[in-house]
Amino acid sequence: MVNIIHIFVILLSTLLISSHGNAVESPLCGGRVFVENAIVIEAPVHEDCHWDIHTQEDRILVITALSGNLKEAQEFLTIHDGSGKDSPILIVENQKTHERSRKDLPKAVYTTQSTASIRFKKAPTSNLQLKIQKAVDCPFNLGGESQCGRVVDEVSCYCATFTKRDHSNQTTYCTDHNMKLVTLESYEKEQAIYAAWSTEYWFWTSLTDTQEEGRWLWESTNTNLYPGYANWCPKNPSDSGGNEDCMDMEWGCWNDLPCSNTQDAICQAIP
């Protein structure tokens, strides 16, 4: 589970030296924060607070409202794409939504880089907490006959390719786009993918037993299937013909097939 760090600016303080040489206590407002997974910033009690946020260089940031309304909060703050003085402002209404993304995801703004700044113009009139998470960039597609979206959550990305390839070539296709062939660690994740693309397609996944017959492994994460979640179709895995070493999703369950079969596939990118 992602650890969330709460930053309560109203509880932090620092000593400042006035022009008269007296030590006065003043609330600390803003600062520079690194996002490993997720942080929560509570809105300040006064204006002119400035937070510089950054994460690892090959990731982006997504900002949502944990409490309060992000769209309405734009009256009190600006979110900038980058930490420079002239970094452009990100507007909730201008965010483009992937056609295949979940419709119940919270309103969010995404940066195009690994840094952002949040500048409070004035203190909000109601409680406001901003959740800032590390995310992967998510293209609208990977070229012809493909679709992408925030299918599972607001930080990861999933792309379906409808160009049929064998298992090895679909693995390479995903890797060439800085993604990996999909893993299905939970019922909820599998159902989210079906909700985006239905159960009618036969999608290759990264589950195989090519290394050792009967030992099923998610190759994208190098994780053994068991004792984890599984959703085999009745009488599967069957290893019919002695060469069914790769798993695909079909009709709402899993089937083992020869890896040389040509199928569609799902690629994933996870922070």
Protein backbone atom coordinates (compact mmCIF):
# COMPACT_ATOMS: atom_id res chain seq x y z
CA MET A 1 0.00 0.00 0.00
CA VAL A 2 1.26 3.43 -0.90
CA ASN A 3 2.41 5.41 2.13
CA ILE A 4 0.88 8.88 2.24
CA ILE A 5 2.79 11.64 3.98
CA HIS A 6 0.58 14.36 5.46
CA ILE A 7 2.17 17.79 5.45
CA PHE A 8 0.30 20.05 7.81
CA VAL A 9 1.64 23.50 7.10
CA ILE A 10 -0.38 25.04 9.90
CA LEU A 11 1.48 22.88 12.44
CA LEU A 12 4.97 23.68 11.21
CA SER A 13 6.88 26.78 12.28
CA THR A 14 10.25 28.43 11.83
CA LEU A 15 12.13 31.20 13.57
CA LEU A 16 12.68 34.34 11.53
CA ILE A 17 14.90 37.28 12.48
CA SER A 18 13.21 40.66 12.04
CA SER A 19 14.97 43.84 10.97
CA HIS A 20 15.07 44.82 14.63
CA GLY A 21 17.00 41.69 15.56
CA ASN A 22 14.10 40.12 17.47
CA ALA A 23 13.25 36.44 17.04
CA VAL A 24 9.61 35.99 15.99
CA GLU A 25 7.72 32.77 15.36
CA SER A 26 5.95 32.56 11.99
CA PRO A 27 4.07 29.65 10.34
CA LEU A 28 6.13 27.87 7.71
CA CYS A 29 4.41 28.09 4.36
CA GLY A 30 5.47 26.06 1.36
CA GLY A 31 8.78 24.39 0.58
CA ARG A 32 10.32 21.77 -1.69
CA VAL A 33 9.01 18.19 -1.52
CA PHE A 34 10.01 14.95 -3.26
CA VAL A 35 7.18 12.55 -4.10
CA GLU A 36 8.25 8.93 -3.75
CA ASN A 37 4.69 7.62 -4.17
CA ALA A 38 2.16 10.11 -2.83
CA ILE A 39 1.90 13.07 -0.47
CA VAL A 40 -0.99 15.12 0.86
CA ILE A 41 -0.73 18.88 1.32
CA GLU A 42 -3.23 20.63 3.54
CA ALA A 43 -4.13 24.14 2.40
CA PRO A 44 -2.51 26.97 4.37
CA VAL A 45 -4.32 29.36 6.67
CA HIS A 46 -2.97 32.38 4.83
CA GLU A 47 -2.03 33.42 1.30
CA ASP A 48 1.20 33.49 -0.72
CA CYS A 49 2.33 29.91 -0.02
CA HIS A 50 4.49 28.25 -2.69
CA TRP A 51 5.23 24.51 -2.91
CA ASP A 52 7.80 23.07 -5.32
CA ILE A 53 7.05 19.38 -5.98
CA HIS A 54 9.27 16.93 -7.81
CA THR A 55 9.52 13.19 -8.43
CA GLN A 56 11.83 10.85 -10.34
CA GLU A 57 12.84 12.22 -13.72
CA ASP A 58 11.08 9.65 -15.92
CA ARG A 59 7.71 10.14 -14.21
CA ILE A 60 5.07 12.87 -14.06
CA LEU A 61 2.81 14.18 -11.30
CA VAL A 62 -0.96 14.02 -10.89
CA ILE A 63 -2.79 16.35 -8.51
CA THR A 64 -6.28 15.63 -7.15
CA ALA A 65 -8.36 16.97 -4.28
CA LEU A 66 -8.53 14.53 -1.38
CA SER A 67 -11.06 16.80 0.30
CA GLY A 68 -12.73 19.77 -1.31
CA ASN A 69 -13.24 20.42 -5.02
CA LEU A 70 -10.20 20.81 -7.29
CA LYS A 71 -12.07 22.84 -9.89
CA GLU A 72 -13.41 25.26 -7.29
CA ALA A 73 -10.00 25.37 -5.59
CA GLN A 74 -8.58 27.15 -8.64
CA GLU A 75 -10.03 30.33 -7.12
CA PHE A 76 -7.45 30.01 -4.34
CA LEU A 77 -4.43 28.46 -6.03
CA THR A 78 -2.61 27.83 -9.28
CA ILE A 79 -0.92 24.56 -10.28
CA HIS A 80 2.04 25.00 -12.61
CA ASP A 81 3.59 22.54 -15.05
CA GLY A 82 7.16 22.85 -13.83
CA SER A 83 8.85 24.79 -11.06
CA GLY A 84 10.06 27.79 -13.06
CA LYS A 85 8.72 31.28 -12.50
CA ASP A 86 6.99 31.30 -15.89
CA SER A 87 5.80 27.67 -15.88
CA PRO A 88 2.35 27.38 -17.51
CA ILE A 89 -0.74 27.02 -15.35
CA LEU A 90 -2.63 23.72 -15.47
CA ILE A 91 -6.41 24.10 -15.64
CA VAL A 92 -8.82 21.30 -14.68
CA GLU A 93 -11.18 22.12 -17.54
CA ASN A 94 -8.37 21.89 -20.12
CA GLN A 95 -7.25 18.37 -19.18
CA LYS A 96 -7.81 15.91 -22.02
CA THR A 97 -9.43 12.62 -21.01
CA HIS A 98 -8.58 9.30 -22.60
CA GLU A 99 -11.61 7.65 -24.15
CA ARG A 100 -10.87 4.38 -22.34
CA SER A 101 -10.15 5.86 -18.91
CA ARG A 102 -12.36 5.02 -15.96
CA LYS A 103 -15.24 7.48 -15.71
CA ASP A 104 -15.24 7.46 -11.90
CA LEU A 105 -11.68 8.73 -11.45
CA PRO A 106 -11.40 12.01 -9.50
CA LYS A 107 -10.92 15.33 -11.28
CA ALA A 108 -7.18 15.73 -11.79
CA VAL A 109 -4.44 17.72 -13.46
CA TYR A 110 -1.34 16.07 -14.92
CA THR A 111 2.04 17.64 -15.46
CA THR A 112 4.08 16.91 -18.57
CA GLN A 113 7.31 16.61 -16.58
CA SER A 114 8.61 15.52 -13.20
CA THR A 115 8.18 18.88 -11.46
CA ALA A 116 5.28 21.11 -10.49
CA SER A 117 4.62 24.12 -8.31
CA ILE A 118 1.50 24.92 -6.31
CA ARG A 119 0.97 28.56 -5.44
CA PHE A 120 -1.76 29.56 -3.02
CA LYS A 121 -3.08 33.02 -3.84
CA LYS A 122 -5.28 33.14 -0.76
CA ALA A 123 -6.45 30.81 1.97
CA PRO A 124 -9.43 28.61 1.02
CA THR A 125 -12.72 29.28 2.79
CA SER A 126 -13.22 25.54 3.46
CA ASN A 127 -11.06 22.50 4.17
CA LEU A 128 -8.88 21.58 1.20
CA GLN A 129 -6.33 18.79 0.92
CA LEU A 130 -4.37 18.14 -2.26
CA LYS A 131 -3.10 14.67 -3.07
CA ILE A 132 -0.01 14.61 -5.27
CA GLN A 133 1.06 11.28 -6.75
CA LYS A 134 3.83 9.98 -8.95
CA ALA A 135 2.35 8.78 -12.23
CA VAL A 136 3.38 7.49 -15.64
CA ASP A 137 2.73 9.45 -18.79
CA CYS A 138 -0.13 7.90 -20.77
CA PRO A 139 -0.37 8.40 -24.54
CA PHE A 140 -3.73 8.38 -26.30
CA ASN A 141 -2.54 5.47 -28.44
CA LEU A 142 0.62 3.65 -29.52
CA GLY A 143 -0.02 4.17 -33.21
CA GLY A 144 -2.47 2.43 -35.51
CA GLU A 145 -4.97 -0.06 -34.09
CA SER A 146 -4.31 0.74 -30.43
CA GLN A 147 -6.08 2.51 -27.56
CA CYS A 148 -4.78 3.72 -24.19
CA GLY A 149 -6.28 4.98 -20.97
CA ARG A 150 -6.18 5.34 -17.19
CA VAL A 151 -8.07 2.08 -16.96
CA VAL A 152 -7.28 0.99 -13.39
CA ASP A 153 -6.35 4.18 -11.50
CA GLU A 154 -5.10 7.72 -12.08
CA VAL A 155 -1.37 6.90 -11.93
CA SER A 156 -0.94 3.88 -14.26
CA CYS A 157 -1.56 3.43 -17.99
CA TYR A 158 -2.89 0.55 -20.07
CA CYS A 159 -2.84 0.23 -23.86
CA ALA A 160 -4.58 -2.36 -26.00
CA THR A 161 -3.02 -3.25 -29.34
CA PHE A 162 -5.32 -4.85 -31.90
CA THR A 163 -2.53 -5.85 -34.26
CA LYS A 164 -2.19 -9.59 -33.80
CA ARG A 165 1.29 -10.89 -32.94
CA ASP A 166 2.71 -13.95 -31.25
CA HIS A 167 3.54 -13.74 -27.54
CA SER A 168 7.22 -12.90 -28.04
CA ASN A 169 6.50 -10.09 -30.50
CA GLN A 170 3.77 -8.62 -28.30
CA THR A 171 6.25 -8.58 -25.41
CA THR A 172 8.72 -6.71 -27.61
CA TYR A 173 6.01 -4.33 -28.82
CA CYS A 174 5.20 -3.32 -25.25
CA THR A 175 8.87 -2.94 -24.34
CA ASP A 176 9.50 -0.76 -27.39
CA HIS A 177 6.86 1.63 -26.03
CA ASN A 178 8.36 1.71 -22.52
CA MET A 179 5.63 -0.59 -21.23
CA LYS A 180 5.30 -4.27 -20.30
CA LEU A 181 2.86 -7.01 -21.16
CA VAL A 182 0.00 -6.91 -18.65
CA THR A 183 -0.14 -8.67 -15.27
CA LEU A 184 -3.41 -9.49 -13.47
CA GLU A 185 -2.81 -9.52 -9.74
CA SER A 186 -6.43 -9.03 -8.69
CA TYR A 187 -10.03 -9.55 -9.71
CA GLU A 188 -10.61 -5.79 -9.57
CA LYS A 189 -7.81 -5.06 -12.03
CA GLU A 190 -9.00 -7.73 -14.45
CA GLN A 191 -12.56 -6.42 -14.33
CA ALA A 192 -11.36 -2.86 -14.95
CA ILE A 193 -9.65 -4.04 -18.14
CA TYR A 194 -12.78 -5.89 -19.26
CA ALA A 195 -14.83 -2.74 -18.54
CA ALA A 196 -12.56 -0.79 -20.88
CA TRP A 197 -12.34 -3.30 -23.74
CA SER A 198 -14.98 -5.99 -23.05
CA THR A 199 -14.44 -9.75 -22.84
CA GLU A 200 -14.73 -10.32 -26.59
CA TYR A 201 -11.04 -9.82 -27.38
CA TRP A 202 -8.35 -12.41 -26.79
CA PHE A 203 -5.46 -10.56 -25.16
CA TRP A 204 -2.01 -11.94 -24.47
CA THR A 205 -0.75 -11.38 -20.92
CA SER A 206 2.73 -11.87 -19.47
CA LEU A 207 1.81 -15.12 -17.69
CA THR A 208 3.79 -18.13 -18.97
CA ASP A 209 5.22 -21.44 -17.81
CA THR A 210 7.95 -21.53 -20.45
CA GLN A 211 10.75 -21.71 -17.88
CA GLU A 212 9.31 -24.72 -16.06
CA GLU A 213 6.20 -26.65 -17.01
CA GLY A 214 3.43 -26.03 -14.50
CA ARG A 215 5.18 -23.12 -12.73
CA TRP A 216 3.28 -20.10 -13.99
CA LEU A 217 5.17 -16.82 -13.82
CA TRP A 218 4.23 -13.22 -14.54
CA GLU A 219 7.24 -12.42 -16.73
CA SER A 220 6.71 -8.65 -16.56
CA THR A 221 7.23 -8.63 -12.79
CA ASN A 222 9.09 -11.95 -12.39
CA THR A 223 6.42 -13.01 -9.87
CA ASN A 224 5.03 -16.51 -9.44
CA LEU A 225 1.30 -16.81 -10.05
CA TYR A 226 0.62 -18.93 -6.98
CA PRO A 227 -0.44 -18.35 -4.27
CA GLY A 228 -1.86 -15.22 -5.92
CA TYR A 229 -5.07 -14.47 -7.79
CA ALA A 230 -6.01 -16.77 -10.70
CA ASN A 231 -9.02 -16.95 -13.01
CA TRP A 232 -8.56 -19.98 -15.25
CA CYS A 233 -11.35 -21.05 -17.55
CA PRO A 234 -12.86 -24.49 -16.76
CA LYS A 235 -10.42 -27.36 -17.43
CA ASN A 236 -7.51 -24.94 -17.81
CA PRO A 237 -4.58 -24.81 -17.88
CA SER A 238 -4.74 -27.92 -20.04
CA ASP A 239 -1.40 -27.86 -21.90
CA SER A 240 -3.19 -29.47 -24.84
CA GLY A 241 -0.64 -30.81 -27.29
CA GLY A 242 2.13 -30.28 -24.73
CA ASN A 243 3.01 -26.77 -25.93
CA GLU A 244 0.46 -24.39 -24.37
CA ASP A 245 2.83 -22.26 -22.35
CA CYS A 246 1.32 -18.74 -22.61
CA MET A 247 -1.89 -17.35 -21.11
CA ASP A 248 -4.44 -15.11 -22.73
CA MET A 249 -7.61 -13.42 -21.44
CA GLU A 250 -10.68 -14.59 -23.34
CA TRP A 251 -14.41 -14.48 -22.61
CA GLY A 252 -13.83 -13.36 -19.03
CA CYS A 253 -11.34 -16.03 -17.95
CA TRP A 254 -7.84 -17.37 -18.69
CA ASN A 255 -6.76 -19.97 -21.23
CA ASP A 256 -3.35 -21.46 -21.98
CA LEU A 257 -2.36 -21.47 -25.63
CA PRO A 258 0.76 -22.03 -27.76
CA CYS A 259 2.94 -18.93 -27.54
CA SER A 260 3.21 -18.96 -31.34
CA ASN A 261 -0.50 -18.08 -31.70
CA THR A 262 -1.17 -14.53 -32.86
CA GLN A 263 -3.38 -12.53 -30.50
CA ASP A 264 -4.14 -8.96 -29.45
CA ALA A 265 -2.43 -7.76 -26.26
CA ILE A 266 -2.55 -5.35 -23.33
CA CYS A 267 0.53 -3.33 -22.37
CA GLN A 268 0.86 -1.66 -18.97
CA ALA A 269 3.00 1.04 -17.39
CA ILE A 270 2.97 1.35 -13.60
CA PRO A 271 4.84 3.99 -11.55
